Amino acid sequence: NLLIYGLGGLVAPFVGIKLIDLAISGLGL
């Protein structure tokens, strides 16, 4: 659980927030 969901929980926001940030910046929101 710690390996899959603990590490996954740490990594997912870094990837997800960065992608959303790129979309927001590109759309000028």
mmCIF file of all heavy atoms, coordinates in Angstrom:
data_MODEL
# 
_entry.id   MODEL 
# 
loop_
_atom_site.group_PDB 
_atom_site.id 
_atom_site.type_symbol 
_atom_site.label_atom_id 
_atom_site.label_alt_id 
_atom_site.label_comp_id 
_atom_site.label_asym_id 
_atom_site.label_entity_id 
_atom_site.label_seq_id 
_atom_site.pdbx_PDB_ins_code 
_atom_site.Cartn_x 
_atom_site.Cartn_y 
_atom_site.Cartn_z 
_atom_site.occupancy 
_atom_site.B_iso_or_equiv 
_atom_site.pdbx_formal_charge 
_atom_site.auth_seq_id 
_atom_site.auth_comp_id 
_atom_site.auth_asym_id 
_atom_site.auth_atom_id 
_atom_site.pdbx_PDB_model_num 
ATOM 1   N N   . ASN A 1 1  ? 0.820  -1.212 0.000   1.00 0.00 ? 1  ASN A N   1 
ATOM 2   C CA  . ASN A 1 1  ? 0.000  0.000  0.000   1.00 0.00 ? 1  ASN A CA  1 
ATOM 3   C C   . ASN A 1 1  ? 0.854  1.262  0.000   1.00 0.00 ? 1  ASN A C   1 
ATOM 4   O O   . ASN A 1 1  ? 0.566  2.227  -0.705  1.00 0.00 ? 1  ASN A O   1 
ATOM 5   C CB  . ASN A 1 1  ? -0.927 0.003  1.225   1.00 0.00 ? 1  ASN A CB  1 
ATOM 6   C CG  . ASN A 1 1  ? -2.265 -0.651 0.932   1.00 0.00 ? 1  ASN A CG  1 
ATOM 7   O OD1 . ASN A 1 1  ? -2.487 -1.128 -0.177  1.00 0.00 ? 1  ASN A OD1 1 
ATOM 8   N ND2 . ASN A 1 1  ? -3.141 -0.691 1.913   1.00 0.00 ? 1  ASN A ND2 1 
ATOM 9   N N   . LEU A 1 2  ? 1.907  1.255  0.821   1.00 0.00 ? 2  LEU A N   1 
ATOM 10  C CA  . LEU A 1 2  ? 2.776  2.427  0.887   1.00 0.00 ? 2  LEU A CA  1 
ATOM 11  C C   . LEU A 1 2  ? 3.492  2.660  -0.435  1.00 0.00 ? 2  LEU A C   1 
ATOM 12  O O   . LEU A 1 2  ? 3.661  3.807  -0.872  1.00 0.00 ? 2  LEU A O   1 
ATOM 13  C CB  . LEU A 1 2  ? 3.795  2.265  2.018   1.00 0.00 ? 2  LEU A CB  1 
ATOM 14  C CG  . LEU A 1 2  ? 3.232  2.326  3.445   1.00 0.00 ? 2  LEU A CG  1 
ATOM 15  C CD1 . LEU A 1 2  ? 4.322  2.040  4.459   1.00 0.00 ? 2  LEU A CD1 1 
ATOM 16  C CD2 . LEU A 1 2  ? 2.599  3.690  3.713   1.00 0.00 ? 2  LEU A CD2 1 
ATOM 17  N N   . LEU A 1 3  ? 3.901  1.561  -1.073  1.00 0.00 ? 3  LEU A N   1 
ATOM 18  C CA  . LEU A 1 3  ? 4.623  1.694  -2.331  1.00 0.00 ? 3  LEU A CA  1 
ATOM 19  C C   . LEU A 1 3  ? 3.719  2.194  -3.452  1.00 0.00 ? 3  LEU A C   1 
ATOM 20  O O   . LEU A 1 3  ? 4.067  3.123  -4.191  1.00 0.00 ? 3  LEU A O   1 
ATOM 21  C CB  . LEU A 1 3  ? 5.243  0.350  -2.713  1.00 0.00 ? 3  LEU A CB  1 
ATOM 22  C CG  . LEU A 1 3  ? 5.999  0.315  -4.051  1.00 0.00 ? 3  LEU A CG  1 
ATOM 23  C CD1 . LEU A 1 3  ? 7.199  1.258  -3.990  1.00 0.00 ? 3  LEU A CD1 1 
ATOM 24  C CD2 . LEU A 1 3  ? 6.440  -1.102 -4.393  1.00 0.00 ? 3  LEU A CD2 1 
ATOM 25  N N   . ILE A 1 4  ? 2.545  1.571  -3.572  1.00 0.00 ? 4  ILE A N   1 
ATOM 26  C CA  . ILE A 1 4  ? 1.658  1.910  -4.694  1.00 0.00 ? 4  ILE A CA  1 
ATOM 27  C C   . ILE A 1 4  ? 0.860  3.178  -4.417  1.00 0.00 ? 4  ILE A C   1 
ATOM 28  O O   . ILE A 1 4  ? 0.864  4.126  -5.208  1.00 0.00 ? 4  ILE A O   1 
ATOM 29  C CB  . ILE A 1 4  ? 0.707  0.737  -4.996  1.00 0.00 ? 4  ILE A CB  1 
ATOM 30  C CG1 . ILE A 1 4  ? 1.503  -0.493 -5.442  1.00 0.00 ? 4  ILE A CG1 1 
ATOM 31  C CG2 . ILE A 1 4  ? -0.302 1.135  -6.073  1.00 0.00 ? 4  ILE A CG2 1 
ATOM 32  C CD1 . ILE A 1 4  ? 0.661  -1.725 -5.681  1.00 0.00 ? 4  ILE A CD1 1 
ATOM 33  N N   . TYR A 1 5  ? 0.168  3.220  -3.271  1.00 0.00 ? 5  TYR A N   1 
ATOM 34  C CA  . TYR A 1 5  ? -0.749 4.326  -3.004  1.00 0.00 ? 5  TYR A CA  1 
ATOM 35  C C   . TYR A 1 5  ? -0.083 5.472  -2.243  1.00 0.00 ? 5  TYR A C   1 
ATOM 36  O O   . TYR A 1 5  ? -0.489 6.629  -2.385  1.00 0.00 ? 5  TYR A O   1 
ATOM 37  C CB  . TYR A 1 5  ? -1.980 3.807  -2.265  1.00 0.00 ? 5  TYR A CB  1 
ATOM 38  C CG  . TYR A 1 5  ? -2.716 2.785  -3.083  1.00 0.00 ? 5  TYR A CG  1 
ATOM 39  C CD1 . TYR A 1 5  ? -2.546 1.421  -2.854  1.00 0.00 ? 5  TYR A CD1 1 
ATOM 40  C CD2 . TYR A 1 5  ? -3.545 3.179  -4.126  1.00 0.00 ? 5  TYR A CD2 1 
ATOM 41  C CE1 . TYR A 1 5  ? -3.193 0.473  -3.632  1.00 0.00 ? 5  TYR A CE1 1 
ATOM 42  C CE2 . TYR A 1 5  ? -4.203 2.248  -4.914  1.00 0.00 ? 5  TYR A CE2 1 
ATOM 43  C CZ  . TYR A 1 5  ? -4.021 0.892  -4.665  1.00 0.00 ? 5  TYR A CZ  1 
ATOM 44  O OH  . TYR A 1 5  ? -4.656 -0.035 -5.448  1.00 0.00 ? 5  TYR A OH  1 
ATOM 45  N N   . GLY A 1 6  ? 0.930  5.174  -1.434  1.00 0.00 ? 6  GLY A N   1 
ATOM 46  C CA  . GLY A 1 6  ? 1.660  6.246  -0.772  1.00 0.00 ? 6  GLY A CA  1 
ATOM 47  C C   . GLY A 1 6  ? 2.529  6.995  -1.756  1.00 0.00 ? 6  GLY A C   1 
ATOM 48  O O   . GLY A 1 6  ? 2.425  8.228  -1.909  1.00 0.00 ? 6  GLY A O   1 
ATOM 49  N N   . LEU A 1 7  ? 3.378  6.262  -2.481  1.00 0.00 ? 7  LEU A N   1 
ATOM 50  C CA  . LEU A 1 7  ? 4.229  6.890  -3.481  1.00 0.00 ? 7  LEU A CA  1 
ATOM 51  C C   . LEU A 1 7  ? 3.396  7.476  -4.619  1.00 0.00 ? 7  LEU A C   1 
ATOM 52  O O   . LEU A 1 7  ? 3.664  8.579  -5.115  1.00 0.00 ? 7  LEU A O   1 
ATOM 53  C CB  . LEU A 1 7  ? 5.232  5.866  -4.022  1.00 0.00 ? 7  LEU A CB  1 
ATOM 54  C CG  . LEU A 1 7  ? 6.262  6.386  -5.031  1.00 0.00 ? 7  LEU A CG  1 
ATOM 55  C CD1 . LEU A 1 7  ? 7.093  7.495  -4.410  1.00 0.00 ? 7  LEU A CD1 1 
ATOM 56  C CD2 . LEU A 1 7  ? 7.154  5.244  -5.515  1.00 0.00 ? 7  LEU A CD2 1 
ATOM 57  N N   . GLY A 1 8  ? 2.359  6.728  -5.008  1.00 0.00 ? 8  GLY A N   1 
ATOM 58  C CA  . GLY A 1 8  ? 1.475  7.240  -6.067  1.00 0.00 ? 8  GLY A CA  1 
ATOM 59  C C   . GLY A 1 8  ? 0.782  8.522  -5.657  1.00 0.00 ? 8  GLY A C   1 
ATOM 60  O O   . GLY A 1 8  ? 0.602  9.439  -6.471  1.00 0.00 ? 8  GLY A O   1 
ATOM 61  N N   . GLY A 1 9  ? 0.374  8.599  -4.380  1.00 0.00 ? 9  GLY A N   1 
ATOM 62  C CA  . GLY A 1 9  ? -0.269 9.813  -3.889  1.00 0.00 ? 9  GLY A CA  1 
ATOM 63  C C   . GLY A 1 9  ? 0.660  11.005 -3.868  1.00 0.00 ? 9  GLY A C   1 
ATOM 64  O O   . GLY A 1 9  ? 0.213  12.155 -3.989  1.00 0.00 ? 9  GLY A O   1 
ATOM 65  N N   . LEU A 1 10 ? 1.963  10.752 -3.706  1.00 0.00 ? 10 LEU A N   1 
ATOM 66  C CA  . LEU A 1 10 ? 2.934  11.838 -3.746  1.00 0.00 ? 10 LEU A CA  1 
ATOM 67  C C   . LEU A 1 10 ? 3.214  12.307 -5.167  1.00 0.00 ? 10 LEU A C   1 
ATOM 68  O O   . LEU A 1 10 ? 3.326  13.507 -5.437  1.00 0.00 ? 10 LEU A O   1 
ATOM 69  C CB  . LEU A 1 10 ? 4.248  11.389 -3.092  1.00 0.00 ? 10 LEU A CB  1 
ATOM 70  C CG  . LEU A 1 10 ? 4.293  11.353 -1.563  1.00 0.00 ? 10 LEU A CG  1 
ATOM 71  C CD1 . LEU A 1 10 ? 5.574  10.698 -1.088  1.00 0.00 ? 10 LEU A CD1 1 
ATOM 72  C CD2 . LEU A 1 10 ? 4.168  12.767 -0.993  1.00 0.00 ? 10 LEU A CD2 1 
ATOM 73  N N   . VAL A 1 11 ? 3.324  11.363 -6.072  1.00 0.00 ? 11 VAL A N   1 
ATOM 74  C CA  . VAL A 1 11 ? 3.718  11.686 -7.447  1.00 0.00 ? 11 VAL A CA  1 
ATOM 75  C C   . VAL A 1 11 ? 2.564  12.281 -8.254  1.00 0.00 ? 11 VAL A C   1 
ATOM 76  O O   . VAL A 1 11 ? 2.754  13.233 -9.028  1.00 0.00 ? 11 VAL A O   1 
ATOM 77  C CB  . VAL A 1 11 ? 4.264  10.427 -8.151  1.00 0.00 ? 11 VAL A CB  1 
ATOM 78  C CG1 . VAL A 1 11 ? 4.520  10.699 -9.631  1.00 0.00 ? 11 VAL A CG1 1 
ATOM 79  C CG2 . VAL A 1 11 ? 5.537  9.945  -7.465  1.00 0.00 ? 11 VAL A CG2 1 
ATOM 80  N N   . ALA A 1 12 ? 1.350  11.737 -8.084  1.00 0.00 ? 12 ALA A N   1 
ATOM 81  C CA  . ALA A 1 12 ? 0.210  12.150 -8.910  1.00 0.00 ? 12 ALA A CA  1 
ATOM 82  C C   . ALA A 1 12 ? -0.038 13.655 -8.894  1.00 0.00 ? 12 ALA A C   1 
ATOM 83  O O   . ALA A 1 12 ? -0.250 14.259 -9.966  1.00 0.00 ? 12 ALA A O   1 
ATOM 84  C CB  . ALA A 1 12 ? -1.046 11.391 -8.483  1.00 0.00 ? 12 ALA A CB  1 
ATOM 85  N N   . PRO A 1 13 ? -0.016 14.340 -7.729  1.00 0.00 ? 13 PRO A N   1 
ATOM 86  C CA  . PRO A 1 13 ? -0.265 15.788 -7.755  1.00 0.00 ? 13 PRO A CA  1 
ATOM 87  C C   . PRO A 1 13 ? 0.799  16.571 -8.526  1.00 0.00 ? 13 PRO A C   1 
ATOM 88  O O   . PRO A 1 13 ? 0.468  17.561 -9.191  1.00 0.00 ? 13 PRO A O   1 
ATOM 89  C CB  . PRO A 1 13 ? -0.256 16.169 -6.267  1.00 0.00 ? 13 PRO A CB  1 
ATOM 90  C CG  . PRO A 1 13 ? -0.575 14.916 -5.553  1.00 0.00 ? 13 PRO A CG  1 
ATOM 91  C CD  . PRO A 1 13 ? 0.071  13.840 -6.350  1.00 0.00 ? 13 PRO A CD  1 
ATOM 92  N N   . PHE A 1 14 ? 2.053  16.139 -8.424  1.00 0.00 ? 14 PHE A N   1 
ATOM 93  C CA  . PHE A 1 14 ? 3.100  16.844 -9.159  1.00 0.00 ? 14 PHE A CA  1 
ATOM 94  C C   . PHE A 1 14 ? 2.826  16.808 -10.664 1.00 0.00 ? 14 PHE A C   1 
ATOM 95  O O   . PHE A 1 14 ? 2.948  17.820 -11.360 1.00 0.00 ? 14 PHE A O   1 
ATOM 96  C CB  . PHE A 1 14 ? 4.474  16.236 -8.857  1.00 0.00 ? 14 PHE A CB  1 
ATOM 97  C CG  . PHE A 1 14 ? 5.008  16.593 -7.500  1.00 0.00 ? 14 PHE A CG  1 
ATOM 98  C CD1 . PHE A 1 14 ? 4.845  15.741 -6.431  1.00 0.00 ? 14 PHE A CD1 1 
ATOM 99  C CD2 . PHE A 1 14 ? 5.660  17.800 -7.294  1.00 0.00 ? 14 PHE A CD2 1 
ATOM 100 C CE1 . PHE A 1 14 ? 5.328  16.075 -5.181  1.00 0.00 ? 14 PHE A CE1 1 
ATOM 101 C CE2 . PHE A 1 14 ? 6.150  18.145 -6.044  1.00 0.00 ? 14 PHE A CE2 1 
ATOM 102 C CZ  . PHE A 1 14 ? 5.981  17.280 -4.975  1.00 0.00 ? 14 PHE A CZ  1 
ATOM 103 N N   . VAL A 1 15 ? 2.440  15.636 -11.146 1.00 0.00 ? 15 VAL A N   1 
ATOM 104 C CA  . VAL A 1 15 ? 2.151  15.500 -12.575 1.00 0.00 ? 15 VAL A CA  1 
ATOM 105 C C   . VAL A 1 15 ? 0.861  16.221 -12.931 1.00 0.00 ? 15 VAL A C   1 
ATOM 106 O O   . VAL A 1 15 ? 0.797  17.001 -13.897 1.00 0.00 ? 15 VAL A O   1 
ATOM 107 C CB  . VAL A 1 15 ? 2.065  14.010 -12.965 1.00 0.00 ? 15 VAL A CB  1 
ATOM 108 C CG1 . VAL A 1 15 ? 1.691  13.862 -14.432 1.00 0.00 ? 15 VAL A CG1 1 
ATOM 109 C CG2 . VAL A 1 15 ? 3.388  13.306 -12.676 1.00 0.00 ? 15 VAL A CG2 1 
ATOM 110 N N   . GLY A 1 16 ? -0.201 15.948 -12.138 1.00 0.00 ? 16 GLY A N   1 
ATOM 111 C CA  . GLY A 1 16 ? -1.508 16.506 -12.455 1.00 0.00 ? 16 GLY A CA  1 
ATOM 112 C C   . GLY A 1 16 ? -1.551 18.015 -12.369 1.00 0.00 ? 16 GLY A C   1 
ATOM 113 O O   . GLY A 1 16 ? -2.086 18.696 -13.270 1.00 0.00 ? 16 GLY A O   1 
ATOM 114 N N   . ILE A 1 17 ? -1.005 18.583 -11.282 1.00 0.00 ? 17 ILE A N   1 
ATOM 115 C CA  . ILE A 1 17 ? -1.037 20.040 -11.111 1.00 0.00 ? 17 ILE A CA  1 
ATOM 116 C C   . ILE A 1 17 ? -0.235 20.737 -12.210 1.00 0.00 ? 17 ILE A C   1 
ATOM 117 O O   . ILE A 1 17 ? -0.634 21.781 -12.738 1.00 0.00 ? 17 ILE A O   1 
ATOM 118 C CB  . ILE A 1 17 ? -0.521 20.421 -9.707  1.00 0.00 ? 17 ILE A CB  1 
ATOM 119 C CG1 . ILE A 1 17 ? -1.534 19.962 -8.648  1.00 0.00 ? 17 ILE A CG1 1 
ATOM 120 C CG2 . ILE A 1 17 ? -0.288 21.926 -9.595  1.00 0.00 ? 17 ILE A CG2 1 
ATOM 121 C CD1 . ILE A 1 17 ? -1.082 20.170 -7.220  1.00 0.00 ? 17 ILE A CD1 1 
ATOM 122 N N   . LYS A 1 18 ? 0.911  20.146 -12.577 1.00 0.00 ? 18 LYS A N   1 
ATOM 123 C CA  . LYS A 1 18 ? 1.718  20.748 -13.646 1.00 0.00 ? 18 LYS A CA  1 
ATOM 124 C C   . LYS A 1 18 ? 0.965  20.757 -14.980 1.00 0.00 ? 18 LYS A C   1 
ATOM 125 O O   . LYS A 1 18 ? 0.965  21.768 -15.706 1.00 0.00 ? 18 LYS A O   1 
ATOM 126 C CB  . LYS A 1 18 ? 3.033  19.966 -13.795 1.00 0.00 ? 18 LYS A CB  1 
ATOM 127 C CG  . LYS A 1 18 ? 3.939  20.504 -14.896 1.00 0.00 ? 18 LYS A CG  1 
ATOM 128 C CD  . LYS A 1 18 ? 4.322  21.964 -14.655 1.00 0.00 ? 18 LYS A CD  1 
ATOM 129 C CE  . LYS A 1 18 ? 5.238  22.491 -15.748 1.00 0.00 ? 18 LYS A CE  1 
ATOM 130 N NZ  . LYS A 1 18 ? 5.559  23.935 -15.572 1.00 0.00 ? 18 LYS A NZ  1 
ATOM 131 N N   . LEU A 1 19 ? 0.294  19.655 -15.304 1.00 0.00 ? 19 LEU A N   1 
ATOM 132 C CA  . LEU A 1 19 ? -0.456 19.601 -16.565 1.00 0.00 ? 19 LEU A CA  1 
ATOM 133 C C   . LEU A 1 19 ? -1.602 20.607 -16.565 1.00 0.00 ? 19 LEU A C   1 
ATOM 134 O O   . LEU A 1 19 ? -1.869 21.274 -17.576 1.00 0.00 ? 19 LEU A O   1 
ATOM 135 C CB  . LEU A 1 19 ? -0.995 18.183 -16.785 1.00 0.00 ? 19 LEU A CB  1 
ATOM 136 C CG  . LEU A 1 19 ? 0.051  17.101 -17.087 1.00 0.00 ? 19 LEU A CG  1 
ATOM 137 C CD1 . LEU A 1 19 ? -0.614 15.730 -17.170 1.00 0.00 ? 19 LEU A CD1 1 
ATOM 138 C CD2 . LEU A 1 19 ? 0.800  17.408 -18.389 1.00 0.00 ? 19 LEU A CD2 1 
ATOM 139 N N   . ILE A 1 20 ? -2.291 20.729 -15.434 1.00 0.00 ? 20 ILE A N   1 
ATOM 140 C CA  . ILE A 1 20 ? -3.392 21.698 -15.337 1.00 0.00 ? 20 ILE A CA  1 
ATOM 141 C C   . ILE A 1 20 ? -2.846 23.114 -15.451 1.00 0.00 ? 20 ILE A C   1 
ATOM 142 O O   . ILE A 1 20 ? -3.449 23.992 -16.101 1.00 0.00 ? 20 ILE A O   1 
ATOM 143 C CB  . ILE A 1 20 ? -4.161 21.501 -14.018 1.00 0.00 ? 20 ILE A CB  1 
ATOM 144 C CG1 . ILE A 1 20 ? -4.850 20.127 -14.002 1.00 0.00 ? 20 ILE A CG1 1 
ATOM 145 C CG2 . ILE A 1 20 ? -5.193 22.603 -13.824 1.00 0.00 ? 20 ILE A CG2 1 
ATOM 146 C CD1 . ILE A 1 20 ? -5.462 19.758 -12.675 1.00 0.00 ? 20 ILE A CD1 1 
ATOM 147 N N   . ASP A 1 21 ? -1.693 23.367 -14.824 1.00 0.00 ? 21 ASP A N   1 
ATOM 148 C CA  . ASP A 1 21 ? -1.065 24.687 -14.900 1.00 0.00 ? 21 ASP A CA  1 
ATOM 149 C C   . ASP A 1 21 ? -0.740 25.054 -16.355 1.00 0.00 ? 21 ASP A C   1 
ATOM 150 O O   . ASP A 1 21 ? -0.965 26.199 -16.787 1.00 0.00 ? 21 ASP A O   1 
ATOM 151 C CB  . ASP A 1 21 ? 0.209  24.696 -14.058 1.00 0.00 ? 21 ASP A CB  1 
ATOM 152 C CG  . ASP A 1 21 ? 1.007  25.977 -14.216 1.00 0.00 ? 21 ASP A CG  1 
ATOM 153 O OD1 . ASP A 1 21 ? 0.558  27.023 -13.692 1.00 0.00 ? 21 ASP A OD1 1 
ATOM 154 O OD2 . ASP A 1 21 ? 2.068  25.931 -14.883 1.00 0.00 ? 21 ASP A OD2 1 
ATOM 155 N N   . LEU A 1 22 ? -0.221 24.094 -17.112 1.00 0.00 ? 22 LEU A N   1 
ATOM 156 C CA  . LEU A 1 22 ? 0.078  24.345 -18.521 1.00 0.00 ? 22 LEU A CA  1 
ATOM 157 C C   . LEU A 1 22 ? -1.189 24.683 -19.304 1.00 0.00 ? 22 LEU A C   1 
ATOM 158 O O   . LEU A 1 22 ? -1.187 25.586 -20.161 1.00 0.00 ? 22 LEU A O   1 
ATOM 159 C CB  . LEU A 1 22 ? 0.774  23.126 -19.130 1.00 0.00 ? 22 LEU A CB  1 
ATOM 160 C CG  . LEU A 1 22 ? 2.194  22.820 -18.616 1.00 0.00 ? 22 LEU A CG  1 
ATOM 161 C CD1 . LEU A 1 22 ? 2.694  21.497 -19.197 1.00 0.00 ? 22 LEU A CD1 1 
ATOM 162 C CD2 . LEU A 1 22 ? 3.151  23.968 -18.979 1.00 0.00 ? 22 LEU A CD2 1 
ATOM 163 N N   . ALA A 1 23 ? -2.277 23.948 -18.974 1.00 0.00 ? 23 ALA A N   1 
ATOM 164 C CA  . ALA A 1 23 ? -3.545 24.210 -19.667 1.00 0.00 ? 23 ALA A CA  1 
ATOM 165 C C   . ALA A 1 23 ? -4.092 25.584 -19.302 1.00 0.00 ? 23 ALA A C   1 
ATOM 166 O O   . ALA A 1 23 ? -4.573 26.337 -20.178 1.00 0.00 ? 23 ALA A O   1 
ATOM 167 C CB  . ALA A 1 23 ? -4.558 23.122 -19.313 1.00 0.00 ? 23 ALA A CB  1 
ATOM 168 N N   . ILE A 1 24 ? -4.026 25.938 -18.025 1.00 0.00 ? 24 ILE A N   1 
ATOM 169 C CA  . ILE A 1 24 ? -4.536 27.239 -17.574 1.00 0.00 ? 24 ILE A CA  1 
ATOM 170 C C   . ILE A 1 24 ? -3.743 28.379 -18.206 1.00 0.00 ? 24 ILE A C   1 
ATOM 171 O O   . ILE A 1 24 ? -4.300 29.378 -18.690 1.00 0.00 ? 24 ILE A O   1 
ATOM 172 C CB  . ILE A 1 24 ? -4.475 27.329 -16.033 1.00 0.00 ? 24 ILE A CB  1 
ATOM 173 C CG1 . ILE A 1 24 ? -5.538 26.417 -15.421 1.00 0.00 ? 24 ILE A CG1 1 
ATOM 174 C CG2 . ILE A 1 24 ? -4.678 28.762 -15.557 1.00 0.00 ? 24 ILE A CG2 1 
ATOM 175 C CD1 . ILE A 1 24 ? -5.465 26.339 -13.911 1.00 0.00 ? 24 ILE A CD1 1 
ATOM 176 N N   . SER A 1 25 ? -2.430 28.237 -18.213 1.00 0.00 ? 25 SER A N   1 
ATOM 177 C CA  . SER A 1 25 ? -1.575 29.276 -18.800 1.00 0.00 ? 25 SER A CA  1 
ATOM 178 C C   . SER A 1 25 ? -1.828 29.407 -20.296 1.00 0.00 ? 25 SER A C   1 
ATOM 179 O O   . SER A 1 25 ? -1.901 30.519 -20.845 1.00 0.00 ? 25 SER A O   1 
ATOM 180 C CB  . SER A 1 25 ? -0.102 28.953 -18.543 1.00 0.00 ? 25 SER A CB  1 
ATOM 181 O OG  . SER A 1 25 ? 0.161  28.871 -17.160 1.00 0.00 ? 25 SER A OG  1 
ATOM 182 N N   . GLY A 1 26 ? -1.971 28.261 -20.953 1.00 0.00 ? 26 GLY A N   1 
ATOM 183 C CA  . GLY A 1 26 ? -2.207 28.288 -22.394 1.00 0.00 ? 26 GLY A CA  1 
ATOM 184 C C   . GLY A 1 26 ? -3.527 28.922 -22.762 1.00 0.00 ? 26 GLY A C   1 
ATOM 185 O O   . GLY A 1 26 ? -3.647 29.588 -23.792 1.00 0.00 ? 26 GLY A O   1 
ATOM 186 N N   . LEU A 1 27 ? -4.537 28.744 -21.900 1.00 0.00 ? 27 LEU A N   1 
ATOM 187 C CA  . LEU A 1 27 ? -5.863 29.311 -22.167 1.00 0.00 ? 27 LEU A CA  1 
ATOM 188 C C   . LEU A 1 27 ? -6.011 30.716 -21.603 1.00 0.00 ? 27 LEU A C   1 
ATOM 189 O O   . LEU A 1 27 ? -7.042 31.367 -21.817 1.00 0.00 ? 27 LEU A O   1 
ATOM 190 C CB  . LEU A 1 27 ? -6.944 28.400 -21.564 1.00 0.00 ? 27 LEU A CB  1 
ATOM 191 C CG  . LEU A 1 27 ? -7.060 26.998 -22.179 1.00 0.00 ? 27 LEU A CG  1 
ATOM 192 C CD1 . LEU A 1 27 ? -8.036 26.140 -21.376 1.00 0.00 ? 27 LEU A CD1 1 
ATOM 193 C CD2 . LEU A 1 27 ? -7.514 27.097 -23.633 1.00 0.00 ? 27 LEU A CD2 1 
ATOM 194 N N   . GLY A 1 28 ? -5.003 31.157 -20.855 1.00 0.00 ? 28 GLY A N   1 
ATOM 195 C CA  . GLY A 1 28 ? -5.051 32.505 -20.285 1.00 0.00 ? 28 GLY A CA  1 
ATOM 196 C C   . GLY A 1 28 ? -6.092 32.665 -19.196 1.00 0.00 ? 28 GLY A C   1 
ATOM 197 O O   . GLY A 1 28 ? -6.680 33.743 -19.038 1.00 0.00 ? 28 GLY A O   1 
ATOM 198 N N   . LEU A 1 29 ? -6.340 31.589 -18.426 1.00 0.00 ? 29 LEU A N   1 
ATOM 199 C CA  . LEU A 1 29 ? -7.354 31.645 -17.374 1.00 0.00 ? 29 LEU A CA  1 
ATOM 200 C C   . LEU A 1 29 ? -6.829 32.240 -16.077 1.00 0.00 ? 29 LEU A C   1 
ATOM 201 O O   . LEU A 1 29 ? -7.607 32.567 -15.180 1.00 0.00 ? 29 LEU A O   1 
ATOM 202 C CB  . LEU A 1 29 ? -7.895 30.230 -17.113 1.00 0.00 ? 29 LEU A CB  1 
ATOM 203 C CG  . LEU A 1 29 ? -8.599 29.561 -18.298 1.00 0.00 ? 29 LEU A CG  1 
ATOM 204 C CD1 . LEU A 1 29 ? -9.026 28.148 -17.932 1.00 0.00 ? 29 LEU A CD1 1 
ATOM 205 C CD2 . LEU A 1 29 ? -9.808 30.390 -18.723 1.00 0.00 ? 29 LEU A CD2 1 
# 
